[in-house]
């Protein structure tokens, strides 16, 4: 409903917005129509041609390639790759606290996708994002994902309250 309302408003205001951008705004608003309208208003102040990367930049949402890369490195125990990717995040100026929260939600999505037959029916993500998830869950078990999600939940809390979020995320 939120996505449909945003689309109607965008069309009436002459704002060109991609479906992926609408998905992200609707998801970020967590069920609040008012919040979704605020986000649309903020992003449309900068451009009348809005895509998903514009919305991600405004909201500080991590890109799925980076979430996928770090998740794969964590699952594989590739510490060197984890450090390299975090260096890349820092170089891009990514908010590590926000990234840690996105990573926690990504691991939750991985676990749900591993448990259910049709993740698209349960997860509020795009087909492209489901593709990333399907590739990753082929390489690990439900039990391993459950364990890792528990650790990522603890890590997110540590990063959120840490004096040095980078060190907490790396650990």
C-alpha atoms as a PDB file:
ATOM      1  CA  UNK A   1       0.000   0.000   0.000  1.00  0.00           C
ATOM      2  CA  UNK A   2       2.826   2.365   0.856  1.00  0.00           C
ATOM      3  CA  UNK A   3       4.592   1.677  -2.421  1.00  0.00           C
ATOM      4  CA  UNK A   4       1.363   2.219  -4.396  1.00  0.00           C
ATOM      5  CA  UNK A   5       0.711   5.510  -2.599  1.00  0.00           C
ATOM      6  CA  UNK A   6       4.260   6.710  -3.207  1.00  0.00           C
ATOM      7  CA  UNK A   7       3.950   5.827  -6.892  1.00  0.00           C
ATOM      8  CA  UNK A   8       0.675   7.744  -7.184  1.00  0.00           C
ATOM      9  CA  UNK A   9       2.162  10.818  -5.495  1.00  0.00           C
ATOM     10  CA  UNK A  10       5.331  10.640  -7.600  1.00  0.00           C
ATOM     11  CA  UNK A  11       3.320  10.435 -10.809  1.00  0.00           C
ATOM     12  CA  UNK A  12       1.089  13.353  -9.818  1.00  0.00           C
ATOM     13  CA  UNK A  13       4.114  15.485  -8.840  1.00  0.00           C
ATOM     14  CA  UNK A  14       6.078  14.652 -12.008  1.00  0.00           C
ATOM     15  CA  UNK A  15       8.753  12.741 -10.123  1.00  0.00           C
ATOM     16  CA  UNK A  16      10.346   9.887 -12.050  1.00  0.00           C
ATOM     17  CA  UNK A  17      11.204   7.148  -9.551  1.00  0.00           C
ATOM     18  CA  UNK A  18      12.319   3.562 -10.099  1.00  0.00           C
ATOM     19  CA  UNK A  19      10.460   0.596  -8.635  1.00  0.00           C
ATOM     20  CA  UNK A  20      13.599  -0.371  -6.729  1.00  0.00           C
ATOM     21  CA  UNK A  21      13.710   3.100  -5.147  1.00  0.00           C
ATOM     22  CA  UNK A  22      10.047   2.791  -4.162  1.00  0.00           C
ATOM     23  CA  UNK A  23      10.771  -0.619  -2.604  1.00  0.00           C
ATOM     24  CA  UNK A  24      13.612   0.797  -0.542  1.00  0.00           C
ATOM     25  CA  UNK A  25      11.573   3.761   0.685  1.00  0.00           C
ATOM     26  CA  UNK A  26       8.633   1.522   1.608  1.00  0.00           C
ATOM     27  CA  UNK A  27      10.917  -0.891   3.466  1.00  0.00           C
ATOM     28  CA  UNK A  28      12.806   1.898   5.245  1.00  0.00           C
ATOM     29  CA  UNK A  29       9.574   3.446   6.495  1.00  0.00           C
ATOM     30  CA  UNK A  30       8.798   0.226   8.422  1.00  0.00           C
ATOM     31  CA  UNK A  31       5.054   0.497   7.832  1.00  0.00           C
ATOM     32  CA  UNK A  32       4.739   4.231   8.460  1.00  0.00           C
ATOM     33  CA  UNK A  33       3.081   6.126   5.622  1.00  0.00           C
ATOM     34  CA  UNK A  34       4.202   9.437   7.147  1.00  0.00           C
ATOM     35  CA  UNK A  35       7.847   8.315   7.263  1.00  0.00           C
ATOM     36  CA  UNK A  36       7.697   7.121   3.651  1.00  0.00           C
ATOM     37  CA  UNK A  37       6.294  10.481   2.527  1.00  0.00           C
ATOM     38  CA  UNK A  38       9.033  12.290   4.454  1.00  0.00           C
ATOM     39  CA  UNK A  39      11.708  10.196   2.750  1.00  0.00           C
ATOM     40  CA  UNK A  40      10.141  10.810  -0.673  1.00  0.00           C
ATOM     41  CA  UNK A  41       9.989  14.539   0.060  1.00  0.00           C
ATOM     42  CA  UNK A  42      13.648  14.626   1.148  1.00  0.00           C
ATOM     43  CA  UNK A  43      14.937  12.727  -1.877  1.00  0.00           C
ATOM     44  CA  UNK A  44      12.764  14.635  -4.366  1.00  0.00           C
ATOM     45  CA  UNK A  45      14.251  17.904  -3.070  1.00  0.00           C
ATOM     46  CA  UNK A  46      17.532  16.858  -4.726  1.00  0.00           C
ATOM     47  CA  UNK A  47      16.235  15.318  -7.950  1.00  0.00           C
ATOM     48  CA  UNK A  48      13.084  14.633  -9.926  1.00  0.00           C
ATOM     49  CA  UNK A  49      14.663  11.482 -11.394  1.00  0.00           C
ATOM     50  CA  UNK A  50      15.206   9.098  -8.483  1.00  0.00           C
ATOM     51  CA  UNK A  51      16.855   5.672  -8.542  1.00  0.00           C
ATOM     52  CA  UNK A  52      17.679   3.149  -5.843  1.00  0.00           C
ATOM     53  CA  UNK A  53      21.231   4.377  -5.303  1.00  0.00           C
ATOM     54  CA  UNK A  54      19.919   7.906  -4.612  1.00  0.00           C
ATOM     55  CA  UNK A  55      17.654   6.537  -1.881  1.00  0.00           C
ATOM     56  CA  UNK A  56      20.381   4.308  -0.446  1.00  0.00           C
ATOM     57  CA  UNK A  57      22.743   7.274  -0.292  1.00  0.00           C
ATOM     58  CA  UNK A  58      20.159   9.453   1.471  1.00  0.00           C
ATOM     59  CA  UNK A  59      19.262   6.754   3.988  1.00  0.00           C
ATOM     60  CA  UNK A  60      22.798   5.410   4.416  1.00  0.00           C
ATOM     61  CA  UNK A  61      21.717   1.919   3.357  1.00  0.00           C
ATOM     62  CA  UNK A  62      24.497  -0.484   2.450  1.00  0.00           C
ATOM     63  CA  UNK A  63      24.631  -1.825  -1.031  1.00  0.00           C
ATOM     64  CA  UNK A  64      23.789  -5.495  -1.547  1.00  0.00           C
ATOM     65  CA  UNK A  65      27.137  -6.226  -3.203  1.00  0.00           C
ATOM     66  CA  UNK A  66      28.954  -5.152  -0.055  1.00  0.00           C
ATOM     67  CA  UNK A  67      26.553  -6.992   2.269  1.00  0.00           C
ATOM     68  CA  UNK A  68      26.877 -10.073   0.097  1.00  0.00           C
ATOM     69  CA  UNK A  69      30.677  -9.815   0.041  1.00  0.00           C
ATOM     70  CA  UNK A  70      31.073  -9.459   3.786  1.00  0.00           C
ATOM     71  CA  UNK A  71      28.480 -12.162   4.489  1.00  0.00           C
ATOM     72  CA  UNK A  72      30.271 -14.574   2.193  1.00  0.00           C
ATOM     73  CA  UNK A  73      33.604 -13.735   3.823  1.00  0.00           C
ATOM     74  CA  UNK A  74      32.120 -14.291   7.297  1.00  0.00           C
ATOM     75  CA  UNK A  75      30.549 -17.603   6.270  1.00  0.00           C
ATOM     76  CA  UNK A  76      33.856 -18.736   4.746  1.00  0.00           C
ATOM     77  CA  UNK A  77      35.932 -17.444   7.673  1.00  0.00           C
ATOM     78  CA  UNK A  78      37.989 -15.270   5.280  1.00  0.00           C
ATOM     79  CA  UNK A  79      39.396 -12.740   7.739  1.00  0.00           C
ATOM     80  CA  UNK A  80      41.594 -11.042   5.165  1.00  0.00           C
ATOM     81  CA  UNK A  81      38.604 -10.364   2.893  1.00  0.00           C
ATOM     82  CA  UNK A  82      36.559  -9.050   5.841  1.00  0.00           C
ATOM     83  CA  UNK A  83      39.302  -6.531   6.682  1.00  0.00           C
ATOM     84  CA  UNK A  84      39.669  -5.492   3.019  1.00  0.00           C
ATOM     85  CA  UNK A  85      35.927  -4.911   2.685  1.00  0.00           C
ATOM     86  CA  UNK A  86      35.759  -2.902   5.903  1.00  0.00           C
ATOM     87  CA  UNK A  87      38.655  -0.749   4.666  1.00  0.00           C
ATOM     88  CA  UNK A  88      36.595  -0.158   1.518  1.00  0.00           C
ATOM     89  CA  UNK A  89      33.560   0.797   3.637  1.00  0.00           C
ATOM     90  CA  UNK A  90      35.642   3.274   5.643  1.00  0.00           C
ATOM     91  CA  UNK A  91      37.167   4.732   2.458  1.00  0.00           C
ATOM     92  CA  UNK A  92      33.656   5.291   1.079  1.00  0.00           C
ATOM     93  CA  UNK A  93      32.626   7.071   4.271  1.00  0.00           C
ATOM     94  CA  UNK A  94      30.012   4.451   5.169  1.00  0.00           C
ATOM     95  CA  UNK A  95      28.313   4.790   8.546  1.00  0.00           C
ATOM     96  CA  UNK A  96      29.547   1.577  10.158  1.00  0.00           C
ATOM     97  CA  UNK A  97      26.783   1.541  12.763  1.00  0.00           C
ATOM     98  CA  UNK A  98      24.176   1.635  10.031  1.00  0.00           C
ATOM     99  CA  UNK A  99      26.106  -0.969   8.039  1.00  0.00           C
ATOM    100  CA  UNK A 100      26.215  -3.318  11.042  1.00  0.00           C
ATOM    101  CA  UNK A 101      22.429  -3.052  11.342  1.00  0.00           C
ATOM    102  CA  UNK A 102      22.020  -3.761   7.614  1.00  0.00           C
ATOM    103  CA  UNK A 103      24.391  -6.736   7.951  1.00  0.00           C
ATOM    104  CA  UNK A 104      22.323  -8.127  10.819  1.00  0.00           C
ATOM    105  CA  UNK A 105      19.156  -7.830   8.716  1.00  0.00           C
ATOM    106  CA  UNK A 106      20.960  -9.418   5.758  1.00  0.00           C
ATOM    107  CA  UNK A 107      21.945 -12.445   7.858  1.00  0.00           C
ATOM    108  CA  UNK A 108      18.341 -12.684   9.045  1.00  0.00           C
ATOM    109  CA  UNK A 109      17.223 -12.698   5.406  1.00  0.00           C
ATOM    110  CA  UNK A 110      19.805 -15.392   4.617  1.00  0.00           C
ATOM    111  CA  UNK A 111      18.462 -17.592   7.401  1.00  0.00           C
ATOM    112  CA  UNK A 112      14.821 -17.069   6.408  1.00  0.00           C
ATOM    113  CA  UNK A 113      15.668 -17.843   2.781  1.00  0.00           C
ATOM    114  CA  UNK A 114      17.428 -21.033   3.874  1.00  0.00           C
ATOM    115  CA  UNK A 115      14.400 -22.137   5.927  1.00  0.00           C
ATOM    116  CA  UNK A 116      11.512 -21.375   3.543  1.00  0.00           C
ATOM    117  CA  UNK A 117      10.955 -22.680   0.011  1.00  0.00           C
ATOM    118  CA  UNK A 118       9.931 -19.374  -1.571  1.00  0.00           C
ATOM    119  CA  UNK A 119      11.862 -16.527   0.102  1.00  0.00           C
ATOM    120  CA  UNK A 120      10.227 -13.970  -2.186  1.00  0.00           C
ATOM    121  CA  UNK A 121       6.891 -14.681  -0.498  1.00  0.00           C
ATOM    122  CA  UNK A 122       8.284 -13.957   2.971  1.00  0.00           C
ATOM    123  CA  UNK A 123      11.068 -11.422   2.493  1.00  0.00           C
ATOM    124  CA  UNK A 124      10.379  -7.869   1.412  1.00  0.00           C
ATOM    125  CA  UNK A 125      13.240  -7.688  -1.084  1.00  0.00           C
ATOM    126  CA  UNK A 126      13.654  -7.437  -4.845  1.00  0.00           C
ATOM    127  CA  UNK A 127      14.264 -10.348  -7.215  1.00  0.00           C
ATOM    128  CA  UNK A 128      17.819  -9.118  -7.714  1.00  0.00           C
ATOM    129  CA  UNK A 129      18.405  -9.208  -3.948  1.00  0.00           C
ATOM    130  CA  UNK A 130      16.890 -12.699  -3.739  1.00  0.00           C
ATOM    131  CA  UNK A 131      19.444 -13.751  -6.364  1.00  0.00           C
ATOM    132  CA  UNK A 132      22.308 -12.588  -4.121  1.00  0.00           C
ATOM    133  CA  UNK A 133      20.799 -14.468  -1.203  1.00  0.00           C
ATOM    134  CA  UNK A 134      20.220 -17.704  -3.134  1.00  0.00           C
ATOM    135  CA  UNK A 135      23.864 -17.751  -4.228  1.00  0.00           C
ATOM    136  CA  UNK A 136      25.073 -17.390  -0.655  1.00  0.00           C
ATOM    137  CA  UNK A 137      22.755 -19.899   1.038  1.00  0.00           C
ATOM    138  CA  UNK A 138      23.932 -22.649  -1.314  1.00  0.00           C
ATOM    139  CA  UNK A 139      27.271 -22.552   0.495  1.00  0.00           C
ATOM    140  CA  UNK A 140      26.122 -23.006   4.090  1.00  0.00           C
ATOM    141  CA  UNK A 141      23.663 -24.738   6.375  1.00  0.00           C
ATOM    142  CA  UNK A 142      20.676 -23.520   8.373  1.00  0.00           C
ATOM    143  CA  UNK A 143      22.498 -24.323  11.626  1.00  0.00           C
ATOM    144  CA  UNK A 144      25.566 -22.326  10.606  1.00  0.00           C
ATOM    145  CA  UNK A 145      23.412 -19.353   9.602  1.00  0.00           C
ATOM    146  CA  UNK A 146      21.569 -19.523  12.933  1.00  0.00           C
ATOM    147  CA  UNK A 147      24.879 -19.437  14.801  1.00  0.00           C
ATOM    148  CA  UNK A 148      26.234 -16.611  12.649  1.00  0.00           C
ATOM    149  CA  UNK A 149      23.057 -14.549  12.989  1.00  0.00           C
ATOM    150  CA  UNK A 150      23.355 -14.784  16.768  1.00  0.00           C
ATOM    151  CA  UNK A 151      26.949 -13.548  16.565  1.00  0.00           C
ATOM    152  CA  UNK A 152      26.072 -10.746  14.139  1.00  0.00           C
ATOM    153  CA  UNK A 153      23.273  -9.596  16.482  1.00  0.00           C
ATOM    154  CA  UNK A 154      25.840  -9.323  19.291  1.00  0.00           C
ATOM    155  CA  UNK A 155      28.290  -7.590  16.955  1.00  0.00           C
ATOM    156  CA  UNK A 156      25.671  -5.037  15.869  1.00  0.00           C
ATOM    157  CA  UNK A 157      25.082  -4.078  19.509  1.00  0.00           C
ATOM    158  CA  UNK A 158      28.841  -3.804  20.061  1.00  0.00           C
ATOM    159  CA  UNK A 159      29.325  -1.633  16.961  1.00  0.00           C
ATOM    160  CA  UNK A 160      26.375   0.591  17.913  1.00  0.00           C
ATOM    161  CA  UNK A 161      27.829   1.358  21.348  1.00  0.00           C
ATOM    162  CA  UNK A 162      31.550   1.197  20.583  1.00  0.00           C
ATOM    163  CA  UNK A 163      33.947   4.088  20.911  1.00  0.00           C
ATOM    164  CA  UNK A 164      35.540   2.735  17.715  1.00  0.00           C
ATOM    165  CA  UNK A 165      32.843   1.184  15.500  1.00  0.00           C
ATOM    166  CA  UNK A 166      35.475   0.084  12.972  1.00  0.00           C
ATOM    167  CA  UNK A 167      37.366  -2.045  15.470  1.00  0.00           C
ATOM    168  CA  UNK A 168      34.126  -3.527  16.800  1.00  0.00           C
ATOM    169  CA  UNK A 169      32.958  -4.390  13.277  1.00  0.00           C
ATOM    170  CA  UNK A 170      36.295  -5.916  12.342  1.00  0.00           C
ATOM    171  CA  UNK A 171      36.179  -8.098  15.455  1.00  0.00           C
END
